[in-house]
N, C-alpha and C. Protein backbone atom coordinates (compact mmCIF):
# COMPACT_ATOMS: atom_id res chain seq x y z
N ASP A 1 37.36 -55.08 59.37
CA ASP A 1 37.86 -53.71 59.33
C ASP A 1 37.77 -53.12 60.73
N TYR A 2 38.91 -52.76 61.29
CA TYR A 2 38.95 -52.24 62.66
C TYR A 2 38.12 -50.97 62.83
N TYR A 3 38.05 -50.16 61.80
CA TYR A 3 37.25 -48.94 61.88
C TYR A 3 35.76 -49.29 62.00
N LYS A 4 35.34 -50.28 61.24
CA LYS A 4 33.94 -50.72 61.32
C LYS A 4 33.64 -51.36 62.67
N VAL A 5 34.59 -52.12 63.18
CA VAL A 5 34.42 -52.77 64.48
C VAL A 5 34.09 -51.72 65.55
N LEU A 6 34.82 -50.61 65.51
CA LEU A 6 34.60 -49.55 66.50
C LEU A 6 33.54 -48.54 66.06
N GLY A 7 33.12 -48.64 64.81
CA GLY A 7 32.09 -47.72 64.32
C GLY A 7 32.58 -46.29 64.16
N VAL A 8 33.83 -46.15 63.74
CA VAL A 8 34.41 -44.82 63.54
C VAL A 8 34.92 -44.69 62.10
N PRO A 9 34.98 -43.46 61.59
CA PRO A 9 35.53 -43.26 60.25
C PRO A 9 37.06 -43.39 60.27
N ARG A 10 37.65 -43.61 59.11
CA ARG A 10 39.11 -43.72 59.01
C ARG A 10 39.80 -42.44 59.47
N SER A 11 39.12 -41.34 59.42
CA SER A 11 39.70 -40.06 59.83
C SER A 11 39.57 -39.81 61.34
N ALA A 12 39.02 -40.76 62.07
CA ALA A 12 38.79 -40.56 63.51
C ALA A 12 40.09 -40.29 64.26
N ASP A 13 40.01 -39.34 65.17
CA ASP A 13 41.18 -39.05 66.00
C ASP A 13 41.16 -39.95 67.24
N ALA A 14 42.20 -39.86 68.03
CA ALA A 14 42.36 -40.72 69.21
C ALA A 14 41.18 -40.57 70.18
N LYS A 15 40.67 -39.37 70.31
CA LYS A 15 39.55 -39.11 71.22
C LYS A 15 38.29 -39.87 70.79
N LYS A 16 37.99 -39.85 69.49
CA LYS A 16 36.82 -40.57 68.99
C LYS A 16 36.99 -42.08 69.12
N ILE A 17 38.20 -42.56 68.86
CA ILE A 17 38.48 -43.99 68.98
C ILE A 17 38.33 -44.43 70.43
N LYS A 18 38.85 -43.64 71.34
CA LYS A 18 38.75 -43.96 72.76
C LYS A 18 37.29 -43.98 73.22
N LYS A 19 36.52 -43.01 72.77
CA LYS A 19 35.10 -42.93 73.13
C LYS A 19 34.33 -44.14 72.60
N ALA A 20 34.62 -44.52 71.36
CA ALA A 20 33.96 -45.68 70.76
C ALA A 20 34.34 -46.96 71.50
N TYR A 21 35.62 -47.10 71.83
CA TYR A 21 36.07 -48.28 72.57
C TYR A 21 35.35 -48.37 73.92
N ARG A 22 35.32 -47.27 74.63
CA ARG A 22 34.70 -47.25 75.96
C ARG A 22 33.25 -47.74 75.89
N LYS A 23 32.51 -47.19 74.95
CA LYS A 23 31.10 -47.56 74.80
C LYS A 23 30.95 -49.05 74.49
N LEU A 24 31.69 -49.52 73.50
CA LEU A 24 31.56 -50.91 73.07
C LEU A 24 32.12 -51.89 74.11
N ALA A 25 33.22 -51.53 74.75
CA ALA A 25 33.81 -52.41 75.76
C ALA A 25 32.87 -52.59 76.95
N LEU A 26 32.22 -51.53 77.34
CA LEU A 26 31.25 -51.64 78.43
C LEU A 26 30.05 -52.49 78.00
N GLU A 27 29.61 -52.30 76.77
CA GLU A 27 28.46 -53.05 76.26
C GLU A 27 28.76 -54.54 76.11
N TRP A 28 29.96 -54.88 75.63
CA TRP A 28 30.28 -56.27 75.31
C TRP A 28 31.17 -56.97 76.33
N HIS A 29 31.45 -56.33 77.45
CA HIS A 29 32.29 -56.98 78.46
C HIS A 29 31.62 -58.30 78.88
N PRO A 30 32.37 -59.41 78.90
CA PRO A 30 31.79 -60.72 79.25
C PRO A 30 31.08 -60.74 80.60
N ASP A 31 31.55 -59.98 81.57
CA ASP A 31 30.90 -59.96 82.89
C ASP A 31 29.51 -59.33 82.81
N LYS A 32 29.30 -58.50 81.81
CA LYS A 32 28.01 -57.84 81.65
C LYS A 32 27.05 -58.67 80.78
N ASN A 33 27.56 -59.74 80.19
CA ASN A 33 26.77 -60.58 79.29
C ASN A 33 26.86 -62.06 79.69
N PRO A 34 26.45 -62.40 80.89
CA PRO A 34 26.58 -63.80 81.34
C PRO A 34 25.72 -64.79 80.56
N ASP A 35 24.68 -64.31 79.91
CA ASP A 35 23.80 -65.19 79.15
C ASP A 35 24.35 -65.51 77.75
N LYS A 36 25.34 -64.74 77.29
CA LYS A 36 25.97 -65.01 76.00
C LYS A 36 27.48 -64.78 76.10
N THR A 37 28.09 -65.55 76.99
CA THR A 37 29.50 -65.38 77.32
C THR A 37 30.42 -65.56 76.12
N GLU A 38 30.23 -66.61 75.32
CA GLU A 38 31.11 -66.87 74.19
C GLU A 38 31.06 -65.74 73.16
N GLU A 39 29.86 -65.31 72.83
CA GLU A 39 29.70 -64.21 71.86
C GLU A 39 30.32 -62.93 72.40
N ALA A 40 30.07 -62.65 73.68
CA ALA A 40 30.60 -61.43 74.29
C ALA A 40 32.12 -61.47 74.35
N GLU A 41 32.68 -62.62 74.70
CA GLU A 41 34.13 -62.76 74.78
C GLU A 41 34.77 -62.51 73.40
N ALA A 42 34.19 -63.08 72.35
CA ALA A 42 34.72 -62.89 71.00
C ALA A 42 34.62 -61.43 70.57
N LYS A 43 33.49 -60.81 70.83
CA LYS A 43 33.28 -59.41 70.45
C LYS A 43 34.21 -58.50 71.26
N PHE A 44 34.36 -58.79 72.54
CA PHE A 44 35.22 -58.00 73.41
C PHE A 44 36.67 -58.06 72.93
N ARG A 45 37.13 -59.24 72.54
CA ARG A 45 38.49 -59.40 72.00
C ARG A 45 38.65 -58.59 70.70
N GLU A 46 37.65 -58.67 69.84
CA GLU A 46 37.70 -57.96 68.56
C GLU A 46 37.76 -56.44 68.78
N ILE A 47 36.96 -55.95 69.69
CA ILE A 47 36.92 -54.52 70.02
C ILE A 47 38.28 -54.07 70.58
N THR A 48 38.83 -54.87 71.48
CA THR A 48 40.11 -54.54 72.10
C THR A 48 41.24 -54.58 71.08
N GLU A 49 41.20 -55.55 70.19
CA GLU A 49 42.22 -55.64 69.14
C GLU A 49 42.18 -54.40 68.25
N ALA A 50 40.99 -54.00 67.86
CA ALA A 50 40.83 -52.81 67.03
C ALA A 50 41.36 -51.57 67.76
N TYR A 51 41.00 -51.43 69.02
CA TYR A 51 41.45 -50.29 69.82
C TYR A 51 42.97 -50.28 69.95
N THR A 52 43.55 -51.45 70.21
CA THR A 52 44.99 -51.56 70.39
C THR A 52 45.74 -51.14 69.14
N VAL A 53 45.26 -51.54 67.99
CA VAL A 53 45.92 -51.18 66.73
C VAL A 53 45.70 -49.72 66.39
N LEU A 54 44.48 -49.24 66.50
CA LEU A 54 44.17 -47.88 66.06
C LEU A 54 44.67 -46.79 67.00
N THR A 55 45.05 -47.14 68.21
CA THR A 55 45.59 -46.13 69.13
C THR A 55 47.11 -46.14 69.18
N ASP A 56 47.73 -47.04 68.43
CA ASP A 56 49.19 -47.07 68.31
C ASP A 56 49.54 -46.49 66.94
N ASP A 57 50.21 -45.36 66.92
CA ASP A 57 50.46 -44.66 65.65
C ASP A 57 51.14 -45.55 64.61
N GLU A 58 52.15 -46.31 64.99
CA GLU A 58 52.87 -47.15 64.04
C GLU A 58 52.00 -48.29 63.53
N LYS A 59 51.30 -48.96 64.44
CA LYS A 59 50.41 -50.06 64.02
C LYS A 59 49.28 -49.55 63.13
N ARG A 60 48.76 -48.38 63.46
CA ARG A 60 47.69 -47.81 62.65
C ARG A 60 48.18 -47.47 61.25
N ARG A 61 49.39 -46.92 61.17
CA ARG A 61 49.96 -46.58 59.87
C ARG A 61 50.12 -47.84 59.01
N VAL A 62 50.65 -48.90 59.61
CA VAL A 62 50.82 -50.17 58.88
C VAL A 62 49.46 -50.73 58.49
N TYR A 63 48.50 -50.70 59.41
CA TYR A 63 47.15 -51.21 59.13
C TYR A 63 46.50 -50.42 57.99
N ASP A 64 46.61 -49.10 58.04
CA ASP A 64 46.02 -48.27 56.99
C ASP A 64 46.64 -48.55 55.63
N GLN A 65 47.93 -48.84 55.63
CA GLN A 65 48.63 -49.05 54.37
C GLN A 65 48.49 -50.49 53.85
N PHE A 66 48.60 -51.48 54.75
CA PHE A 66 48.66 -52.88 54.32
C PHE A 66 47.53 -53.76 54.85
N GLY A 67 46.69 -53.22 55.71
CA GLY A 67 45.62 -54.02 56.29
C GLY A 67 46.13 -54.96 57.35
N GLU A 68 45.28 -55.88 57.74
CA GLU A 68 45.63 -56.83 58.80
C GLU A 68 46.83 -57.69 58.41
N ALA A 69 46.98 -57.98 57.12
CA ALA A 69 48.10 -58.79 56.66
C ALA A 69 49.43 -58.11 56.97
N GLY A 70 49.48 -56.79 56.91
CA GLY A 70 50.70 -56.06 57.24
C GLY A 70 51.06 -56.19 58.70
N LEU A 71 50.06 -56.24 59.56
CA LEU A 71 50.30 -56.39 60.99
C LEU A 71 50.80 -57.80 61.32
N LYS A 72 50.31 -58.75 60.57
CA LYS A 72 50.69 -60.14 60.81
C LYS A 72 52.03 -60.49 60.17
N GLY A 73 52.51 -59.61 59.30
CA GLY A 73 53.78 -59.87 58.65
C GLY A 73 53.68 -60.98 57.63
N GLU A 74 52.51 -61.15 57.02
CA GLU A 74 52.32 -62.21 56.04
C GLU A 74 53.12 -61.92 54.78
N ALA A 75 53.64 -62.97 54.19
CA ALA A 75 54.45 -62.85 52.97
C ALA A 75 53.65 -62.16 51.88
N GLY A 76 54.32 -61.27 51.20
CA GLY A 76 53.69 -60.60 50.07
C GLY A 76 52.87 -59.38 50.45
N SER A 77 52.74 -59.12 51.74
CA SER A 77 51.95 -57.96 52.16
C SER A 77 52.69 -56.66 51.90
N GLY A 78 54.03 -56.76 51.89
CA GLY A 78 54.82 -55.56 51.70
C GLY A 78 54.98 -54.76 52.98
N GLY A 79 54.28 -55.16 54.02
CA GLY A 79 54.36 -54.45 55.29
C GLY A 79 55.43 -55.02 56.19
N PRO A 80 55.85 -54.24 57.17
CA PRO A 80 56.89 -54.70 58.06
C PRO A 80 56.44 -55.82 58.99
N GLY A 81 55.17 -55.83 59.32
CA GLY A 81 54.64 -56.89 60.19
C GLY A 81 55.10 -56.74 61.62
N PHE A 82 54.27 -57.22 62.50
CA PHE A 82 54.58 -57.19 63.92
C PHE A 82 54.67 -58.60 64.48
N GLY A 83 54.32 -59.59 63.66
CA GLY A 83 54.38 -60.98 64.09
C GLY A 83 53.33 -61.30 65.11
N GLY A 84 52.93 -62.56 65.16
CA GLY A 84 52.00 -63.01 66.19
C GLY A 84 50.56 -62.64 65.96
N GLY A 85 50.22 -62.12 64.83
CA GLY A 85 48.83 -61.76 64.57
C GLY A 85 48.57 -60.31 64.91
N ALA A 86 47.46 -59.83 64.44
CA ALA A 86 47.15 -58.41 64.60
C ALA A 86 46.97 -58.03 66.06
N GLY A 87 46.44 -58.92 66.86
CA GLY A 87 46.21 -58.61 68.26
C GLY A 87 47.46 -58.66 69.11
N MET A 88 48.53 -59.22 68.58
CA MET A 88 49.80 -59.33 69.27
C MET A 88 49.63 -59.93 70.67
N ASN A 89 48.73 -60.89 70.80
CA ASN A 89 48.50 -61.59 72.06
C ASN A 89 48.17 -60.65 73.20
N VAL A 90 47.34 -59.69 72.95
CA VAL A 90 46.93 -58.73 73.95
C VAL A 90 45.78 -59.32 74.77
N ASP A 91 45.87 -59.18 76.09
CA ASP A 91 44.79 -59.63 76.96
C ASP A 91 43.76 -58.50 77.04
N PRO A 92 42.57 -58.73 76.48
CA PRO A 92 41.59 -57.64 76.44
C PRO A 92 41.17 -57.15 77.83
N ARG A 93 41.20 -58.03 78.82
CA ARG A 93 40.83 -57.61 80.18
C ARG A 93 41.87 -56.66 80.77
N GLU A 94 43.15 -56.85 80.41
CA GLU A 94 44.20 -55.95 80.89
C GLU A 94 44.05 -54.57 80.25
N ILE A 95 43.76 -54.53 78.97
CA ILE A 95 43.54 -53.25 78.29
C ILE A 95 42.35 -52.55 78.92
N PHE A 96 41.29 -53.30 79.19
CA PHE A 96 40.08 -52.75 79.80
C PHE A 96 40.41 -52.15 81.17
N LYS A 97 41.18 -52.88 81.99
CA LYS A 97 41.55 -52.38 83.32
C LYS A 97 42.38 -51.12 83.20
N GLN A 98 43.34 -51.10 82.27
CA GLN A 98 44.18 -49.92 82.09
C GLN A 98 43.33 -48.73 81.65
N PHE A 99 42.39 -49.00 80.76
CA PHE A 99 41.53 -47.94 80.24
C PHE A 99 40.74 -47.28 81.36
N PHE A 100 40.24 -48.08 82.29
CA PHE A 100 39.42 -47.56 83.38
C PHE A 100 40.24 -47.33 84.65
N GLY A 101 41.54 -47.24 84.51
CA GLY A 101 42.41 -46.92 85.64
C GLY A 101 42.38 -47.97 86.74
N GLY A 102 42.14 -49.22 86.39
CA GLY A 102 42.13 -50.30 87.36
C GLY A 102 40.81 -50.42 88.12
N ALA A 103 39.92 -49.48 87.93
CA ALA A 103 38.63 -49.51 88.62
C ALA A 103 37.64 -50.42 87.88
N ASP A 104 36.75 -51.04 88.63
CA ASP A 104 35.73 -51.89 88.04
C ASP A 104 34.50 -51.04 87.74
N PRO A 105 34.23 -50.77 86.45
CA PRO A 105 33.09 -49.91 86.13
C PRO A 105 31.74 -50.57 86.43
N PHE A 106 31.75 -51.86 86.74
CA PHE A 106 30.52 -52.55 87.05
C PHE A 106 30.31 -52.68 88.56
N GLY A 107 31.30 -52.21 89.33
CA GLY A 107 31.25 -52.35 90.80
C GLY A 107 30.36 -51.32 91.43
């Protein structure tokens, strides 16, 4: 559940989602967790995927109505689907850079 991943209620507005993403992305960024790179990379991807879906009005609407299956366009979901999986092949590091305006928050 993307809401649980970010630790926000379903009623969360964009500001709360952004704040939750920022906190978790900084905490789980792989560069900040060199001793547990694989776990951090997986968590970082999950956090970014949740943020990407919940901050896009159309994707969020589909997710709220049909769940992850609606985003994937799986048969029988009844949702329009976006193809390619819920993350839509998003590079979490690019989202992170965009979020922080290209600046390295660890620098």
